[in-house]
């Protein structure tokens, strides 16, 4: 006996029921990280910052030339991009009478490296304008030396971008962290965490903070921390993308919700 093929109507009904059971989450607010998320920090900032740190280490008493220290920092960076690893490895390699002072000098210099000309990723502005047109509220959170981060924002023109509602500066002294900024944005907007999307590049920073407070997460896997692996599920983003323009193609419903 031949089996009857399901009608197109039956197939379509099944698809509709499947979509209803797994609807695209509504996103009314998007929070972006800055470095290596909205612009190429690795290509435009990281190497100059390591040179600046190398100069500071030598000035603080590291027993090597600036050129040797700079190349040692880059080698250490390719093993582990965390500054605490880089500084410790370079100090171990060359030696210093006061390792703590050298490490502090390097750390401070890295974050305070002068800001020159910066450019956004090609897809950044179109994405911001698409979200704004959809009624989505847009925020930026960034971490580092606050004065330097302000200079980056200005160099990128983001302080003049009408689509961005507000920029939050998480600082090295932890007066404000990424997590506290996310909680503040959620509280001030009144938007539930499950309607907020966080886009960033660092598993142990904005991805962990966002998932801790119940927000959706997207990791832009490129730049300085592209090789960093999630330590646990809290650091594993919901989606990984290679280009910022891919955000709008993800299975979310970007809308004000009105």
C-alpha atoms as a PDB file:
ATOM      1  CA  UNK A   1       0.000   0.000   0.000  1.00  0.00           C
ATOM      2  CA  UNK A   2       1.420   3.368  -0.998  1.00  0.00           C
ATOM      3  CA  UNK A   3       1.954   5.966   1.703  1.00  0.00           C
ATOM      4  CA  UNK A   4       0.192   9.209   1.102  1.00  0.00           C
ATOM      5  CA  UNK A   5       2.501  12.185   0.709  1.00  0.00           C
ATOM      6  CA  UNK A   6       1.700  15.030   3.112  1.00  0.00           C
ATOM      7  CA  UNK A   7       0.053  17.996   1.471  1.00  0.00           C
ATOM      8  CA  UNK A   8       1.832  21.328   1.177  1.00  0.00           C
ATOM      9  CA  UNK A   9      -0.711  22.742   3.620  1.00  0.00           C
ATOM     10  CA  UNK A  10       0.216  20.074   6.192  1.00  0.00           C
ATOM     11  CA  UNK A  11       3.938  20.764   5.740  1.00  0.00           C
ATOM     12  CA  UNK A  12       3.424  24.519   6.045  1.00  0.00           C
ATOM     13  CA  UNK A  13       1.390  24.051   9.236  1.00  0.00           C
ATOM     14  CA  UNK A  14       4.216  22.027  10.754  1.00  0.00           C
ATOM     15  CA  UNK A  15       6.708  24.774   9.884  1.00  0.00           C
ATOM     16  CA  UNK A  16       4.438  27.420  11.400  1.00  0.00           C
ATOM     17  CA  UNK A  17       4.045  25.375  14.601  1.00  0.00           C
ATOM     18  CA  UNK A  18       7.824  24.933  14.755  1.00  0.00           C
ATOM     19  CA  UNK A  19       8.372  28.694  14.377  1.00  0.00           C
ATOM     20  CA  UNK A  20       5.752  29.377  17.032  1.00  0.00           C
ATOM     21  CA  UNK A  21       7.491  26.949  19.422  1.00  0.00           C
ATOM     22  CA  UNK A  22      10.893  28.589  18.795  1.00  0.00           C
ATOM     23  CA  UNK A  23      10.188  32.242  18.018  1.00  0.00           C
ATOM     24  CA  UNK A  24      13.007  34.650  17.287  1.00  0.00           C
ATOM     25  CA  UNK A  25      13.794  36.507  20.538  1.00  0.00           C
ATOM     26  CA  UNK A  26      12.734  40.144  20.564  1.00  0.00           C
ATOM     27  CA  UNK A  27      15.699  42.502  20.999  1.00  0.00           C
ATOM     28  CA  UNK A  28      14.843  46.050  22.054  1.00  0.00           C
ATOM     29  CA  UNK A  29      18.326  47.087  23.182  1.00  0.00           C
ATOM     30  CA  UNK A  30      21.845  46.296  21.951  1.00  0.00           C
ATOM     31  CA  UNK A  31      24.996  46.968  23.973  1.00  0.00           C
ATOM     32  CA  UNK A  32      28.287  46.971  22.074  1.00  0.00           C
ATOM     33  CA  UNK A  33      31.811  46.602  23.387  1.00  0.00           C
ATOM     34  CA  UNK A  34      34.263  49.005  21.710  1.00  0.00           C
ATOM     35  CA  UNK A  35      37.738  47.515  21.147  1.00  0.00           C
ATOM     36  CA  UNK A  36      37.844  44.810  18.442  1.00  0.00           C
ATOM     37  CA  UNK A  37      34.055  44.954  18.241  1.00  0.00           C
ATOM     38  CA  UNK A  38      33.290  48.268  16.535  1.00  0.00           C
ATOM     39  CA  UNK A  39      36.806  48.847  15.171  1.00  0.00           C
ATOM     40  CA  UNK A  40      40.040  46.922  14.600  1.00  0.00           C
ATOM     41  CA  UNK A  41      41.844  47.500  17.882  1.00  0.00           C
ATOM     42  CA  UNK A  42      44.411  44.773  17.173  1.00  0.00           C
ATOM     43  CA  UNK A  43      45.450  46.315  13.875  1.00  0.00           C
ATOM     44  CA  UNK A  44      45.218  49.966  14.871  1.00  0.00           C
ATOM     45  CA  UNK A  45      46.128  50.031  18.571  1.00  0.00           C
ATOM     46  CA  UNK A  46      47.707  46.891  20.025  1.00  0.00           C
ATOM     47  CA  UNK A  47      51.196  47.011  18.462  1.00  0.00           C
ATOM     48  CA  UNK A  48      51.723  50.735  19.206  1.00  0.00           C
ATOM     49  CA  UNK A  49      50.520  50.083  22.777  1.00  0.00           C
ATOM     50  CA  UNK A  50      53.054  47.264  23.231  1.00  0.00           C
ATOM     51  CA  UNK A  51      55.841  49.517  21.953  1.00  0.00           C
ATOM     52  CA  UNK A  52      54.743  52.182  24.431  1.00  0.00           C
ATOM     53  CA  UNK A  53      54.791  49.558  27.204  1.00  0.00           C
ATOM     54  CA  UNK A  54      58.244  48.349  26.119  1.00  0.00           C
ATOM     55  CA  UNK A  55      59.620  51.884  26.389  1.00  0.00           C
ATOM     56  CA  UNK A  56      58.123  52.218  29.873  1.00  0.00           C
ATOM     57  CA  UNK A  57      59.592  48.896  31.020  1.00  0.00           C
ATOM     58  CA  UNK A  58      63.113  49.895  29.968  1.00  0.00           C
ATOM     59  CA  UNK A  59      62.726  53.302  31.594  1.00  0.00           C
ATOM     60  CA  UNK A  60      61.600  51.556  34.805  1.00  0.00           C
ATOM     61  CA  UNK A  61      64.714  49.396  34.917  1.00  0.00           C
ATOM     62  CA  UNK A  62      64.215  46.337  32.707  1.00  0.00           C
ATOM     63  CA  UNK A  63      67.643  45.140  31.550  1.00  0.00           C
ATOM     64  CA  UNK A  64      67.207  45.179  27.752  1.00  0.00           C
ATOM     65  CA  UNK A  65      66.769  47.478  24.784  1.00  0.00           C
ATOM     66  CA  UNK A  66      63.342  48.773  23.774  1.00  0.00           C
ATOM     67  CA  UNK A  67      63.497  46.811  20.513  1.00  0.00           C
ATOM     68  CA  UNK A  68      64.233  43.507  22.262  1.00  0.00           C
ATOM     69  CA  UNK A  69      61.509  44.102  24.843  1.00  0.00           C
ATOM     70  CA  UNK A  70      58.985  45.026  22.159  1.00  0.00           C
ATOM     71  CA  UNK A  71      59.589  41.833  20.180  1.00  0.00           C
ATOM     72  CA  UNK A  72      59.521  39.772  23.380  1.00  0.00           C
ATOM     73  CA  UNK A  73      56.142  41.280  24.229  1.00  0.00           C
ATOM     74  CA  UNK A  74      54.769  40.349  20.808  1.00  0.00           C
ATOM     75  CA  UNK A  75      56.042  36.766  21.153  1.00  0.00           C
ATOM     76  CA  UNK A  76      54.422  36.480  24.579  1.00  0.00           C
ATOM     77  CA  UNK A  77      51.224  38.001  23.194  1.00  0.00           C
ATOM     78  CA  UNK A  78      50.877  35.198  20.650  1.00  0.00           C
ATOM     79  CA  UNK A  79      51.047  32.653  23.480  1.00  0.00           C
ATOM     80  CA  UNK A  80      48.568  34.454  25.755  1.00  0.00           C
ATOM     81  CA  UNK A  81      47.232  37.994  25.109  1.00  0.00           C
ATOM     82  CA  UNK A  82      46.578  38.755  28.785  1.00  0.00           C
ATOM     83  CA  UNK A  83      48.832  41.588  29.969  1.00  0.00           C
ATOM     84  CA  UNK A  84      49.676  39.891  33.253  1.00  0.00           C
ATOM     85  CA  UNK A  85      51.164  36.979  31.286  1.00  0.00           C
ATOM     86  CA  UNK A  86      53.054  39.244  28.856  1.00  0.00           C
ATOM     87  CA  UNK A  87      54.569  41.456  31.547  1.00  0.00           C
ATOM     88  CA  UNK A  88      55.597  38.494  33.719  1.00  0.00           C
ATOM     89  CA  UNK A  89      57.143  36.608  30.803  1.00  0.00           C
ATOM     90  CA  UNK A  90      59.171  39.606  29.605  1.00  0.00           C
ATOM     91  CA  UNK A  91      60.415  40.392  33.114  1.00  0.00           C
ATOM     92  CA  UNK A  92      61.360  36.719  33.581  1.00  0.00           C
ATOM     93  CA  UNK A  93      63.298  36.810  30.310  1.00  0.00           C
ATOM     94  CA  UNK A  94      65.315  39.978  30.925  1.00  0.00           C
ATOM     95  CA  UNK A  95      65.251  40.547  34.667  1.00  0.00           C
ATOM     96  CA  UNK A  96      64.745  43.699  36.763  1.00  0.00           C
ATOM     97  CA  UNK A  97      65.715  44.894  40.224  1.00  0.00           C
ATOM     98  CA  UNK A  98      62.135  45.899  40.949  1.00  0.00           C
ATOM     99  CA  UNK A  99      59.805  43.621  38.928  1.00  0.00           C
ATOM    100  CA  UNK A 100      56.624  45.076  40.440  1.00  0.00           C
ATOM    101  CA  UNK A 101      57.563  48.628  39.410  1.00  0.00           C
ATOM    102  CA  UNK A 102      58.422  47.474  35.879  1.00  0.00           C
ATOM    103  CA  UNK A 103      55.158  45.567  35.560  1.00  0.00           C
ATOM    104  CA  UNK A 104      53.123  48.543  36.786  1.00  0.00           C
ATOM    105  CA  UNK A 105      54.925  50.895  34.410  1.00  0.00           C
ATOM    106  CA  UNK A 106      54.200  48.569  31.486  1.00  0.00           C
ATOM    107  CA  UNK A 107      50.539  48.167  32.424  1.00  0.00           C
ATOM    108  CA  UNK A 108      49.987  51.908  32.842  1.00  0.00           C
ATOM    109  CA  UNK A 109      51.796  52.726  29.596  1.00  0.00           C
ATOM    110  CA  UNK A 110      49.869  50.128  27.614  1.00  0.00           C
ATOM    111  CA  UNK A 111      46.508  51.627  28.543  1.00  0.00           C
ATOM    112  CA  UNK A 112      47.707  55.228  28.204  1.00  0.00           C
ATOM    113  CA  UNK A 113      49.231  54.856  24.724  1.00  0.00           C
ATOM    114  CA  UNK A 114      48.395  58.054  22.764  1.00  0.00           C
ATOM    115  CA  UNK A 115      45.425  57.722  20.422  1.00  0.00           C
ATOM    116  CA  UNK A 116      45.976  58.567  16.776  1.00  0.00           C
ATOM    117  CA  UNK A 117      43.666  58.168  13.800  1.00  0.00           C
ATOM    118  CA  UNK A 118      41.142  55.329  14.115  1.00  0.00           C
ATOM    119  CA  UNK A 119      38.492  53.980  11.753  1.00  0.00           C
ATOM    120  CA  UNK A 120      35.406  51.859  12.401  1.00  0.00           C
ATOM    121  CA  UNK A 121      34.856  48.477  10.815  1.00  0.00           C
ATOM    122  CA  UNK A 122      33.129  48.911   7.457  1.00  0.00           C
ATOM    123  CA  UNK A 123      29.908  47.341   8.742  1.00  0.00           C
ATOM    124  CA  UNK A 124      29.668  49.276  12.019  1.00  0.00           C
ATOM    125  CA  UNK A 125      27.853  52.452  10.915  1.00  0.00           C
ATOM    126  CA  UNK A 126      25.305  50.620   8.680  1.00  0.00           C
ATOM    127  CA  UNK A 127      24.486  48.262  11.572  1.00  0.00           C
ATOM    128  CA  UNK A 128      24.024  51.111  14.041  1.00  0.00           C
ATOM    129  CA  UNK A 129      21.720  52.920  11.632  1.00  0.00           C
ATOM    130  CA  UNK A 130      19.732  49.738  10.892  1.00  0.00           C
ATOM    131  CA  UNK A 131      19.161  49.152  14.607  1.00  0.00           C
ATOM    132  CA  UNK A 132      18.242  52.774  15.245  1.00  0.00           C
ATOM    133  CA  UNK A 133      15.757  52.700  12.349  1.00  0.00           C
ATOM    134  CA  UNK A 134      14.234  49.536  13.853  1.00  0.00           C
ATOM    135  CA  UNK A 135      13.635  51.384  17.124  1.00  0.00           C
ATOM    136  CA  UNK A 136      16.352  49.552  19.050  1.00  0.00           C
ATOM    137  CA  UNK A 137      18.144  51.453  21.807  1.00  0.00           C
ATOM    138  CA  UNK A 138      21.930  51.377  21.453  1.00  0.00           C
ATOM    139  CA  UNK A 139      24.640  51.686  24.106  1.00  0.00           C
ATOM    140  CA  UNK A 140      28.400  51.178  24.240  1.00  0.00           C
ATOM    141  CA  UNK A 141      30.463  49.921  27.168  1.00  0.00           C
ATOM    142  CA  UNK A 142      34.240  50.087  27.056  1.00  0.00           C
ATOM    143  CA  UNK A 143      37.035  49.182  29.466  1.00  0.00           C
ATOM    144  CA  UNK A 144      40.450  50.708  30.077  1.00  0.00           C
ATOM    145  CA  UNK A 145      42.061  53.999  31.001  1.00  0.00           C
ATOM    146  CA  UNK A 146      39.020  56.275  30.922  1.00  0.00           C
ATOM    147  CA  UNK A 147      40.827  59.247  29.367  1.00  0.00           C
ATOM    148  CA  UNK A 148      42.246  57.022  26.616  1.00  0.00           C
ATOM    149  CA  UNK A 149      38.873  55.383  25.963  1.00  0.00           C
ATOM    150  CA  UNK A 150      37.288  58.839  25.627  1.00  0.00           C
ATOM    151  CA  UNK A 151      39.983  59.717  23.084  1.00  0.00           C
ATOM    152  CA  UNK A 152      39.249  56.530  21.104  1.00  0.00           C
ATOM    153  CA  UNK A 153      35.531  57.290  21.050  1.00  0.00           C
ATOM    154  CA  UNK A 154      36.248  60.806  19.786  1.00  0.00           C
ATOM    155  CA  UNK A 155      38.726  59.577  17.155  1.00  0.00           C
ATOM    156  CA  UNK A 156      36.099  57.131  15.860  1.00  0.00           C
ATOM    157  CA  UNK A 157      33.382  59.790  15.794  1.00  0.00           C
ATOM    158  CA  UNK A 158      31.152  57.776  18.097  1.00  0.00           C
ATOM    159  CA  UNK A 159      30.649  60.737  20.420  1.00  0.00           C
ATOM    160  CA  UNK A 160      28.824  62.398  17.514  1.00  0.00           C
ATOM    161  CA  UNK A 161      26.852  59.339  16.398  1.00  0.00           C
ATOM    162  CA  UNK A 162      23.133  60.045  16.896  1.00  0.00           C
ATOM    163  CA  UNK A 163      22.246  56.340  16.934  1.00  0.00           C
ATOM    164  CA  UNK A 164      24.146  55.821  20.210  1.00  0.00           C
ATOM    165  CA  UNK A 165      22.204  56.738  23.318  1.00  0.00           C
ATOM    166  CA  UNK A 166      25.024  56.633  25.869  1.00  0.00           C
ATOM    167  CA  UNK A 167      28.560  55.330  26.379  1.00  0.00           C
ATOM    168  CA  UNK A 168      29.640  53.741  29.673  1.00  0.00           C
ATOM    169  CA  UNK A 169      33.300  53.676  30.700  1.00  0.00           C
ATOM    170  CA  UNK A 170      34.367  50.724  32.848  1.00  0.00           C
ATOM    171  CA  UNK A 171      37.646  51.619  34.528  1.00  0.00           C
ATOM    172  CA  UNK A 172      40.713  49.741  35.693  1.00  0.00           C
ATOM    173  CA  UNK A 173      40.008  50.668  39.316  1.00  0.00           C
ATOM    174  CA  UNK A 174      36.648  48.853  38.938  1.00  0.00           C
ATOM    175  CA  UNK A 175      34.563  51.790  40.083  1.00  0.00           C
ATOM    176  CA  UNK A 176      32.424  50.640  37.180  1.00  0.00           C
ATOM    177  CA  UNK A 177      32.626  47.155  35.662  1.00  0.00           C
ATOM    178  CA  UNK A 178      31.026  45.764  32.515  1.00  0.00           C
ATOM    179  CA  UNK A 179      28.494  43.907  34.648  1.00  0.00           C
ATOM    180  CA  UNK A 180      27.531  46.975  36.692  1.00  0.00           C
ATOM    181  CA  UNK A 181      27.174  48.976  33.451  1.00  0.00           C
ATOM    182  CA  UNK A 182      24.875  46.305  31.999  1.00  0.00           C
ATOM    183  CA  UNK A 183      22.753  46.309  35.145  1.00  0.00           C
ATOM    184  CA  UNK A 184      22.557  50.106  35.061  1.00  0.00           C
ATOM    185  CA  UNK A 185      21.457  50.120  31.412  1.00  0.00           C
ATOM    186  CA  UNK A 186      18.800  47.508  32.145  1.00  0.00           C
ATOM    187  CA  UNK A 187      17.548  49.456  35.155  1.00  0.00           C
ATOM    188  CA  UNK A 188      17.481  52.838  33.399  1.00  0.00           C
ATOM    189  CA  UNK A 189      15.780  51.563  30.231  1.00  0.00           C
ATOM    190  CA  UNK A 190      13.371  49.239  32.025  1.00  0.00           C
ATOM    191  CA  UNK A 191      13.945  46.679  29.274  1.00  0.00           C
ATOM    192  CA  UNK A 192      14.015  43.057  30.540  1.00  0.00           C
ATOM    193  CA  UNK A 193      17.425  41.349  30.302  1.00  0.00           C
ATOM    194  CA  UNK A 194      16.014  38.761  27.888  1.00  0.00           C
ATOM    195  CA  UNK A 195      15.314  41.585  25.418  1.00  0.00           C
ATOM    196  CA  UNK A 196      18.872  42.944  25.536  1.00  0.00           C
ATOM    197  CA  UNK A 197      21.724  41.755  23.318  1.00  0.00           C
ATOM    198  CA  UNK A 198      25.403  42.264  24.174  1.00  0.00           C
ATOM    199  CA  UNK A 199      27.965  42.140  21.362  1.00  0.00           C
ATOM    200  CA  UNK A 200      31.652  41.854  22.265  1.00  0.00           C
ATOM    201  CA  UNK A 201      34.880  39.953  21.689  1.00  0.00           C
ATOM    202  CA  UNK A 202      36.046  38.825  25.142  1.00  0.00           C
ATOM    203  CA  UNK A 203      34.590  35.665  26.727  1.00  0.00           C
ATOM    204  CA  UNK A 204      35.859  36.482  30.226  1.00  0.00           C
ATOM    205  CA  UNK A 205      34.675  40.097  30.110  1.00  0.00           C
ATOM    206  CA  UNK A 206      31.451  41.253  28.417  1.00  0.00           C
ATOM    207  CA  UNK A 207      30.235  37.748  27.464  1.00  0.00           C
ATOM    208  CA  UNK A 208      30.468  36.462  31.044  1.00  0.00           C
ATOM    209  CA  UNK A 209      28.999  39.677  32.468  1.00  0.00           C
ATOM    210  CA  UNK A 210      26.064  39.644  30.040  1.00  0.00           C
ATOM    211  CA  UNK A 211      25.188  35.997  30.622  1.00  0.00           C
ATOM    212  CA  UNK A 212      25.455  36.529  34.380  1.00  0.00           C
ATOM    213  CA  UNK A 213      22.601  39.044  34.204  1.00  0.00           C
ATOM    214  CA  UNK A 214      20.539  37.023  31.709  1.00  0.00           C
ATOM    215  CA  UNK A 215      21.193  38.893  28.458  1.00  0.00           C
ATOM    216  CA  UNK A 216      21.683  37.466  24.959  1.00  0.00           C
ATOM    217  CA  UNK A 217      25.289  37.348  23.745  1.00  0.00           C
ATOM    218  CA  UNK A 218      27.169  37.485  20.455  1.00  0.00           C
ATOM    219  CA  UNK A 219      30.933  37.138  20.241  1.00  0.00           C
ATOM    220  CA  UNK A 220      32.864  38.799  17.436  1.00  0.00           C
ATOM    221  CA  UNK A 221      35.698  36.297  17.130  1.00  0.00           C
ATOM    222  CA  UNK A 222      38.562  38.363  15.819  1.00  0.00           C
ATOM    223  CA  UNK A 223      41.213  40.727  17.092  1.00  0.00           C
ATOM    224  CA  UNK A 224      43.337  40.625  20.219  1.00  0.00           C
ATOM    225  CA  UNK A 225      41.377  37.903  22.013  1.00  0.00           C
ATOM    226  CA  UNK A 226      40.265  35.783  19.044  1.00  0.00           C
ATOM    227  CA  UNK A 227      42.170  32.742  20.332  1.00  0.00           C
ATOM    228  CA  UNK A 228      40.829  32.965  23.888  1.00  0.00           C
ATOM    229  CA  UNK A 229      38.658  29.970  24.748  1.00  0.00           C
ATOM    230  CA  UNK A 230      35.632  30.132  27.061  1.00  0.00           C
ATOM    231  CA  UNK A 231      36.474  28.893  30.558  1.00  0.00           C
ATOM    232  CA  UNK A 232      32.913  27.653  31.146  1.00  0.00           C
ATOM    233  CA  UNK A 233      29.331  28.028  29.887  1.00  0.00           C
ATOM    234  CA  UNK A 234      29.072  31.574  31.194  1.00  0.00           C
ATOM    235  CA  UNK A 235      31.843  32.566  28.786  1.00  0.00           C
ATOM    236  CA  UNK A 236      30.322  30.750  25.812  1.00  0.00           C
ATOM    237  CA  UNK A 237      28.372  33.213  23.647  1.00  0.00           C
ATOM    238  CA  UNK A 238      25.023  32.311  22.088  1.00  0.00           C
ATOM    239  CA  UNK A 239      26.482  33.038  18.649  1.00  0.00           C
ATOM    240  CA  UNK A 240      29.956  33.653  17.204  1.00  0.00           C
ATOM    241  CA  UNK A 241      30.479  35.820  14.127  1.00  0.00           C
ATOM    242  CA  UNK A 242      33.478  36.974  12.092  1.00  0.00           C
ATOM    243  CA  UNK A 243      32.188  40.394  11.003  1.00  0.00           C
ATOM    244  CA  UNK A 244      30.085  42.989  12.806  1.00  0.00           C
ATOM    245  CA  UNK A 245      27.670  43.201   9.849  1.00  0.00           C
ATOM    246  CA  UNK A 246      26.541  39.618  10.586  1.00  0.00           C
ATOM    247  CA  UNK A 247      24.629  40.747  13.692  1.00  0.00           C
ATOM    248  CA  UNK A 248      21.574  41.761  11.672  1.00  0.00           C
ATOM    249  CA  UNK A 249      21.431  38.286  10.064  1.00  0.00           C
ATOM    250  CA  UNK A 250      21.162  36.438  13.374  1.00  0.00           C
ATOM    251  CA  UNK A 251      17.809  34.899  14.430  1.00  0.00           C
ATOM    252  CA  UNK A 252      16.663  37.855  16.502  1.00  0.00           C
ATOM    253  CA  UNK A 253      13.755  40.210  15.978  1.00  0.00           C
ATOM    254  CA  UNK A 254      15.143  43.733  16.253  1.00  0.00           C
ATOM    255  CA  UNK A 255      12.318  46.091  17.170  1.00  0.00           C
ATOM    256  CA  UNK A 256      11.174  48.602  19.757  1.00  0.00           C
ATOM    257  CA  UNK A 257       8.465  46.111  20.646  1.00  0.00           C
ATOM    258  CA  UNK A 258       5.700  48.682  20.284  1.00  0.00           C
END
